[in-house]
Protein backbone atom coordinates (compact mmCIF):
# COMPACT_ATOMS: atom_id res chain seq x y z
CA MET A 1 44.65 250.70 159.60
CA ASN A 2 47.81 251.47 157.79
CA VAL A 3 50.52 248.83 158.27
CA GLN A 4 54.28 250.24 158.01
CA THR A 5 56.68 247.83 156.07
CA HIS A 6 60.27 247.37 156.50
CA PRO A 7 63.08 246.19 154.13
CA SER A 8 63.87 242.34 155.25
CA PRO A 9 67.25 241.66 156.28
CA ALA A 10 69.77 240.26 153.78
CA ASP A 11 69.48 236.40 153.22
CA PRO A 12 72.28 234.51 154.65
CA ALA A 13 72.25 232.20 151.64
CA PHE A 14 73.54 235.01 149.44
CA ALA A 15 76.55 235.94 151.72
CA GLY A 16 78.72 234.15 149.10
CA LEU A 17 78.11 237.03 146.80
CA ASP A 18 79.54 239.14 149.33
CA LEU A 19 83.07 237.75 148.49
CA LEU A 20 82.96 238.72 144.71
CA SER A 21 84.86 241.82 143.44
CA SER A 22 82.11 242.35 140.94
CA ALA A 23 79.03 244.27 141.63
CA VAL A 24 75.87 241.84 141.93
CA LEU A 25 72.30 242.50 142.55
CA LEU A 26 69.47 240.00 143.02
CA LEU A 27 65.92 241.03 141.91
CA ASP A 28 62.35 239.34 142.57
CA GLY A 29 59.61 238.96 139.90
CA GLN A 30 58.33 242.65 140.44
CA LEU A 31 62.29 244.00 140.01
CA ARG A 32 62.64 244.92 143.77
CA ILE A 33 66.19 244.31 145.02
CA ARG A 34 66.85 241.42 147.18
CA HIS A 35 70.30 241.35 147.94
CA CYS A 36 73.36 243.85 147.22
CA ASN A 37 76.64 242.84 147.75
CA PRO A 38 79.53 245.13 148.89
CA ALA A 39 81.11 245.52 145.38
CA ALA A 40 77.64 246.92 144.48
CA GLU A 41 77.25 249.01 147.58
CA ASN A 42 80.80 250.50 146.65
CA LEU A 43 79.68 251.20 142.89
CA PHE A 44 76.47 252.83 143.37
CA ALA A 45 77.15 254.48 146.59
CA VAL A 46 74.51 253.20 148.54
CA SER A 47 73.93 250.77 151.32
CA GLN A 48 72.20 247.38 151.47
CA ARG A 49 70.05 248.58 154.25
CA ALA A 50 68.77 251.27 152.26
CA CYS A 51 68.04 249.58 148.93
CA LEU A 52 66.72 246.14 150.25
CA GLY A 53 63.03 245.83 148.81
CA GLN A 54 63.17 248.89 146.84
CA PRO A 55 62.64 249.15 142.94
CA LEU A 56 65.56 248.69 140.77
CA ALA A 57 64.54 251.97 139.36
CA GLN A 58 65.09 253.83 142.16
CA LEU A 59 68.94 252.61 142.42
CA LEU A 60 69.52 252.89 138.53
CA GLY A 61 66.84 255.00 137.18
CA THR A 62 65.13 253.23 133.99
CA PRO A 63 67.56 252.62 131.34
CA SER A 64 65.25 251.38 128.47
CA THR A 65 67.19 248.69 127.00
CA LEU A 66 68.18 247.48 130.62
CA ILE A 67 64.36 247.35 131.65
CA ALA A 68 63.39 245.69 128.62
CA ALA A 69 66.26 242.92 129.03
CA LEU A 70 65.16 242.19 132.37
CA GLU A 71 61.37 241.91 131.38
CA ASN A 72 62.24 239.56 128.59
CA ALA A 73 64.62 237.61 130.94
CA LEU A 74 61.55 237.03 133.31
CA ALA A 75 59.25 236.17 130.76
CA ASN A 76 61.51 234.05 128.65
CA GLN A 77 64.04 232.85 131.02
CA TRP A 78 66.79 234.38 128.64
CA SER A 79 70.23 235.81 129.79
CA TYR A 80 71.43 239.04 128.60
CA THR A 81 74.59 241.02 128.37
CA GLY A 82 74.35 244.66 127.95
CA HIS A 83 77.25 247.10 126.89
CA ASP A 84 77.60 250.80 127.69
CA ILE A 85 74.62 251.07 130.15
CA VAL A 86 74.70 254.74 131.49
CA VAL A 87 73.68 255.03 135.07
CA ALA A 88 73.82 258.56 136.89
CA ARG A 89 74.58 258.80 140.64
CA GLU A 90 73.86 261.49 143.11
CA HIS A 91 75.33 262.39 146.42
CA GLY A 92 72.81 264.28 148.47
CA GLU A 93 72.37 267.67 146.28
CA MET A 94 75.44 266.84 143.98
CA SER A 95 75.63 264.58 141.11
CA THR A 96 78.62 262.67 140.16
CA GLU A 97 79.77 261.45 136.97
CA PRO A 98 77.67 258.81 135.17
CA LEU A 99 78.60 255.24 135.54
CA HIS A 100 79.34 253.39 132.03
CA LEU A 101 78.62 249.71 132.95
CA ASP A 102 78.46 246.37 131.21
CA CYS A 103 75.53 244.38 132.49
CA THR A 104 75.00 240.60 132.47
CA VAL A 105 71.47 239.40 133.46
CA SER A 106 70.84 235.69 134.51
CA PRO A 107 67.38 234.08 135.59
CA ILE A 108 67.90 232.17 138.63
CA GLU A 109 65.54 230.37 141.11
CA ALA A 110 66.97 230.92 144.60
CA GLY A 111 64.15 231.75 147.11
CA ALA A 112 62.59 235.32 146.51
CA ALA A 113 65.28 235.92 143.73
CA SER A 114 64.38 235.74 140.03
CA LEU A 115 67.31 237.64 138.34
CA LEU A 116 71.02 237.98 138.87
CA LEU A 117 72.50 241.09 137.76
CA GLU A 118 76.35 241.61 137.42
CA PHE A 119 77.76 244.88 136.83
CA ARG A 120 81.30 245.76 135.58
CA PRO A 121 82.37 249.36 135.01
CA ILE A 122 83.92 249.37 131.42
CA ASP A 123 86.26 252.17 132.48
CA GLN A 124 87.83 249.87 135.20
CA GLN A 125 90.43 247.91 133.51
CA LEU A 126 91.20 251.15 131.28
CA ARG A 127 91.61 253.02 134.89
CA VAL A 128 93.92 250.27 136.02
CA VAL A 129 96.19 250.64 132.83
CA ARG A 130 96.04 254.22 133.01
CA GLU A 131 97.01 254.23 136.64
CA GLU A 132 100.11 251.86 136.10
CA GLN A 133 101.18 254.07 133.13
CA GLU A 134 100.83 257.21 135.31
CA ALA A 135 102.88 255.45 138.29
CA VAL A 136 105.73 254.53 135.82
CA GLN A 137 105.77 257.96 134.30
CA GLN A 138 105.66 259.66 137.85
CA ARG A 139 108.43 257.47 139.22
CA ALA A 140 110.69 258.40 136.06
CA THR A 141 109.98 262.23 136.28
CA GLN A 142 110.45 262.13 139.98
CA GLU A 143 113.93 260.44 139.65
CA LEU A 144 114.74 262.72 136.85
CA ILE A 145 113.84 266.16 138.92
CA ARG A 146 115.67 264.30 142.06
CA ASN A 147 118.90 263.77 140.07
CA LEU A 148 118.56 267.46 138.86
CA ALA A 149 117.95 268.83 142.10
CA HIS A 150 121.06 267.31 143.52
CA GLU A 151 123.07 268.59 140.49
CA ILE A 152 121.63 272.25 140.96
CA LYS A 153 122.12 272.09 144.92
CA ASN A 154 126.01 272.15 145.20
CA PRO A 155 126.63 275.16 142.57
CA LEU A 156 123.48 276.94 143.89
CA GLY A 157 125.29 277.01 147.34
CA GLY A 158 128.49 278.09 145.79
CA ILE A 159 126.65 281.15 144.27
CA ARG A 160 124.93 282.05 147.22
CA GLY A 161 127.97 282.04 149.42
CA SER A 162 129.97 284.15 146.65
CA ALA A 163 127.12 286.49 146.94
CA GLN A 164 127.78 286.99 150.55
CA LEU A 165 131.47 287.13 150.49
CA LEU A 166 130.83 289.92 147.71
CA ASP A 167 128.45 291.62 149.92
CA ARG A 168 131.12 291.86 152.49
CA GLU A 169 133.56 293.26 150.40
CA LEU A 170 131.50 295.92 149.48
CA ALA A 171 131.63 297.43 153.13
CA GLY A 172 132.99 300.81 153.10
CA MET A 173 132.68 301.49 149.49
CA GLU A 174 131.07 304.83 148.45
CA ASN A 175 128.41 303.05 146.23
CA ALA A 176 128.04 300.11 148.30
CA ALA A 177 124.29 300.45 149.03
CA ALA A 178 123.57 300.42 145.30
CA LEU A 179 125.96 297.53 144.63
CA ARG A 180 124.24 295.76 147.61
CA GLU A 181 120.81 295.69 145.73
CA TYR A 182 122.23 293.20 143.72
CA THR A 183 123.89 290.88 145.92
CA ASP A 184 120.60 291.05 147.92
CA VAL A 185 118.67 289.88 144.61
CA ILE A 186 121.17 286.92 144.19
CA ILE A 187 121.11 285.90 147.67
CA HIS A 188 117.21 286.14 147.92
CA GLU A 189 116.77 284.16 144.59
CA ALA A 190 119.26 281.71 145.60
CA ASP A 191 117.45 280.95 148.84
CA ARG A 192 114.24 280.62 146.70
CA LEU A 193 115.70 278.14 144.45
CA GLN A 194 116.90 276.14 147.53
CA ASP A 195 113.67 276.23 149.18
CA LEU A 196 112.26 274.74 145.83
CA LEU A 197 115.12 272.23 145.75
CA HIS A 198 114.18 271.07 149.40
CA ARG A 199 110.35 270.70 148.43
CA LEU A 200 111.35 268.58 145.42
CA LEU A 201 113.57 266.27 147.50
CA SER A 202 111.12 266.14 150.40
CA SER A 203 108.91 263.27 148.93
CA HIS A 204 111.96 260.93 149.35
CA ARG A 205 111.98 261.43 153.09
CA ALA A 206 111.45 258.11 155.13
CA MET A 207 108.02 257.65 156.50
CA GLN A 208 107.24 257.62 160.31
CA PRO A 209 104.27 255.66 160.57
CA THR A 210 101.95 255.88 163.51
CA GLN A 211 98.29 255.20 164.36
CA ILE A 212 96.51 258.21 163.31
CA SER A 213 92.75 259.38 162.81
CA ILE A 214 91.98 260.87 159.20
CA HIS A 215 89.40 263.34 160.82
CA GLU A 216 91.98 264.37 163.28
CA ILE A 217 94.09 265.30 160.27
CA LEU A 218 91.20 267.10 158.43
CA GLU A 219 90.35 269.20 161.23
CA ARG A 220 93.88 270.36 161.56
CA VAL A 221 94.15 271.09 157.61
CA ARG A 222 90.64 272.95 157.98
CA ARG A 223 91.73 275.24 160.81
CA LEU A 224 95.07 276.09 158.42
CA ILE A 225 92.61 276.77 155.69
CA HIS A 226 90.37 278.97 157.62
CA ALA A 227 93.40 281.04 159.02
CA GLU A 228 94.83 281.51 155.65
CA PHE A 229 91.40 281.89 153.45
CA PRO A 230 88.92 283.49 155.81
CA GLY A 231 86.80 283.75 152.96
CA VAL A 232 86.61 279.99 152.26
CA ARG A 233 84.10 277.61 154.03
CA VAL A 234 85.18 274.06 154.49
CA ARG A 235 81.93 272.00 155.15
CA ARG A 236 82.58 268.56 156.83
CA ASP A 237 80.88 265.27 155.99
CA TYR A 238 82.14 262.69 158.08
CA ASP A 239 81.68 258.97 158.78
CA THR A 240 82.83 259.08 162.27
CA SER A 241 82.79 255.37 162.54
CA LEU A 242 85.78 254.88 160.43
CA PRO A 243 88.57 253.36 162.45
CA ASP A 244 92.30 254.57 162.59
CA LEU A 245 94.84 254.11 159.76
CA THR A 246 98.49 253.70 159.88
CA GLY A 247 100.37 256.46 158.10
CA ASP A 248 102.77 259.31 158.49
CA ARG A 249 100.90 262.24 160.20
CA GLU A 250 102.98 264.91 158.51
CA GLN A 251 102.92 263.58 154.94
CA LEU A 252 99.28 263.18 155.34
CA ILE A 253 98.68 266.73 156.80
CA GLN A 254 101.02 268.19 153.62
CA ALA A 255 99.11 266.13 151.04
CA LEU A 256 95.42 267.36 152.21
CA LEU A 257 96.72 270.80 152.77
CA ASN A 258 98.07 271.01 149.17
CA ILE A 259 95.12 269.75 147.78
CA LEU A 260 92.92 272.20 149.71
CA ARG A 261 95.06 275.28 149.30
CA ASN A 262 95.07 274.53 145.50
CA ALA A 263 91.02 274.55 145.94
CA ALA A 264 91.16 277.75 148.01
CA GLN A 265 93.73 279.64 145.40
CA ALA A 266 91.58 278.58 142.43
CA MET A 267 88.42 280.15 144.09
CA ASN A 268 90.46 283.30 144.80
CA GLY A 269 89.75 282.87 148.44
CA ALA A 270 86.00 282.71 148.25
CA GLY A 271 83.81 279.59 147.87
CA GLU A 272 83.00 276.30 149.54
CA ILE A 273 85.07 272.87 149.89
CA ILE A 274 83.29 269.76 151.28
CA THR A 275 85.42 267.07 152.82
CA ARG A 276 83.91 263.94 152.53
CA THR A 277 84.81 260.51 154.12
CA ARG A 278 83.23 257.04 153.77
CA ALA A 279 84.15 253.67 154.08
CA ILE A 280 84.48 251.71 150.91
CA ARG A 281 84.49 247.81 150.40
CA GLN A 282 86.40 245.31 147.80
CA VAL A 283 88.80 247.89 146.51
CA THR A 284 91.97 247.35 144.66
CA LEU A 285 94.72 249.65 145.71
CA ALA A 286 98.25 249.52 144.27
CA LYS A 287 97.61 245.93 142.95
CA LYS A 288 96.13 244.63 146.25
CA ARG A 289 92.49 243.91 147.00
CA TYR A 290 91.19 245.19 150.08
CA ARG A 291 88.08 244.10 151.95
CA LEU A 292 87.90 247.70 153.49
CA ALA A 293 89.35 251.10 152.59
CA LEU A 294 88.81 254.68 153.18
CA GLU A 295 87.61 257.11 150.59
CA LEU A 296 88.37 260.62 151.16
CA GLN A 297 86.59 263.08 148.75
CA ILE A 298 87.72 266.99 148.49
CA ILE A 299 84.92 268.73 146.53
CA ASP A 300 85.17 272.55 145.47
CA ASN A 301 82.87 274.70 143.44
CA GLY A 302 85.54 276.66 141.80
CA PRO A 303 86.19 277.36 138.24
CA GLY A 304 87.73 273.82 137.47
CA ILE A 305 91.14 272.57 136.27
CA PRO A 306 92.00 274.18 132.89
CA GLU A 307 91.26 271.31 130.30
CA GLU A 308 94.68 271.36 128.85
CA ILE A 309 96.42 270.23 131.90
CA ARG A 310 93.77 267.94 133.43
CA ASP A 311 95.70 264.78 132.34
CA ARG A 312 99.00 266.03 133.74
CA ILE A 313 98.13 267.99 137.09
CA PHE A 314 100.14 265.51 139.13
CA TYR A 315 103.25 265.92 137.37
CA PRO A 316 105.87 268.19 138.93
CA LEU A 317 106.10 271.81 137.41
CA VAL A 318 102.67 271.87 135.97
CA SER A 319 100.44 274.42 137.42
CA GLY A 320 97.30 276.01 136.05
CA ARG A 321 97.97 279.18 138.48
CA GLN A 322 100.33 281.93 137.27
CA GLY A 323 103.16 282.06 139.72
CA GLY A 324 102.54 278.54 140.77
CA THR A 325 105.19 275.87 141.04
CA GLY A 326 103.16 272.92 140.16
CA LEU A 327 104.82 270.95 143.11
CA GLY A 328 101.73 270.89 145.54
CA LEU A 329 99.64 268.07 143.88
CA ALA A 330 102.97 266.34 142.53
CA LEU A 331 103.99 266.00 146.42
CA ALA A 332 100.24 264.85 147.26
CA GLN A 333 100.38 262.14 145.06
CA SER A 334 103.66 261.04 146.20
CA PHE A 335 102.71 261.00 149.96
CA VAL A 336 99.51 258.96 149.13
CA GLN A 337 101.41 256.30 147.00
CA HIS A 338 103.86 255.92 150.35
CA HIS A 339 100.65 254.94 152.01
CA HIS A 340 99.82 252.36 149.21
CA GLY A 341 96.81 254.38 148.32
CA SER A 342 95.49 256.16 145.05
CA ILE A 343 94.53 259.54 144.27
CA GLU A 344 92.48 261.09 141.21
CA ALA A 345 90.64 264.10 140.09
CA GLU A 346 87.61 264.81 138.27
CA SER A 347 86.79 268.33 137.19
CA ALA A 348 84.44 270.78 135.46
CA PRO A 349 83.58 274.32 135.78
CA GLY A 350 81.75 274.70 139.28
CA ARG A 351 83.08 271.14 140.41
CA THR A 352 86.45 269.65 141.23
CA CYS A 353 86.58 266.24 143.14
CA PHE A 354 89.81 264.80 144.25
CA THR A 355 89.24 261.19 145.67
CA LEU A 356 91.67 259.62 147.81
CA ARG A 357 91.61 255.92 148.68
CA LEU A 358 93.79 254.61 151.38
CA PRO A 359 93.71 251.01 153.15
CA LEU A 360 92.47 251.28 156.64
CA ASN A 361 93.93 249.35 159.66
CA ASN A 362 93.73 245.60 160.10
CA GLU A 363 93.34 245.32 156.37
CA ARG A 364 96.06 243.16 154.86
CA GLY A 365 95.73 243.41 151.07
CA LYS A 366 95.55 240.60 148.74
CA SER A 367 97.32 240.75 145.40
CA ALA A 368 94.82 241.64 142.88
């Protein structure tokens, strides 16, 4: 008779590990997972329920140096620290960038657990430093552009007003029609520049926070994209158990619309975009630590962001599209930062992924 086994529930004796910000796995003598703390769930994109009782190789593959170190640790009760261990992750049919990790292995005696593995992404500190540098650069750039926009706004209004007065003076002249072609160009271009200035200054509008559902916002954006780009399919992958968040509805709609519209334009109006929502635990946003946050990924199968501008895509007036203003992503980043969140992008031909992380309701961040 076949007996079907089920992974045992998490041992409450290990609950203290759940408070750690570093990713921790506990293994038994057969290298099966006995505990996976929330930071490890977030790092490896897996739930504890799914990995309990499973071989470590199912989660991490079989990095040769790590497997050898684990066997030595069990046989000789030796600790081990490995550097730059590469672990590949997959989300369904789509693989993500491999993880580069440092790993400390420690022999323990704690019930069924024989080994404690602590993982630290080696790029984590570099990413924090880079985000801080980018934030400083963005603030300086935005302040410069805001000041320039104010300086341009008044004389631009004078140019447009003068063109309108000149247009009226042309009435009754023999060659009025030909001359009005020039005044029309001046007025039209002045209007276009005024619209550009308005968009440059709109990121400084005061927030109007309310309780909102990220999925309601995504559905609104999906309908707008479908109307504008009928050849683009927007596929949904939602965690419907996510709570509401506190935010400015219009700012978030505009931020997501800018990202999805950029993707649709890059694919020339034909391709697929995936919008995926998940809850993530123990995450640092704007130098504060949150137990629970929202992770929203927007993934497209377009040609990718040109390599020469990948490091500058959130800077104003930087665009990889001919005729683009380069304001869409800059405004998206500003709006996300207004919500104490973060946004980053990974891109290669055939796959571009924008990842937004935002605090969820009832989560008060602690200084990291």
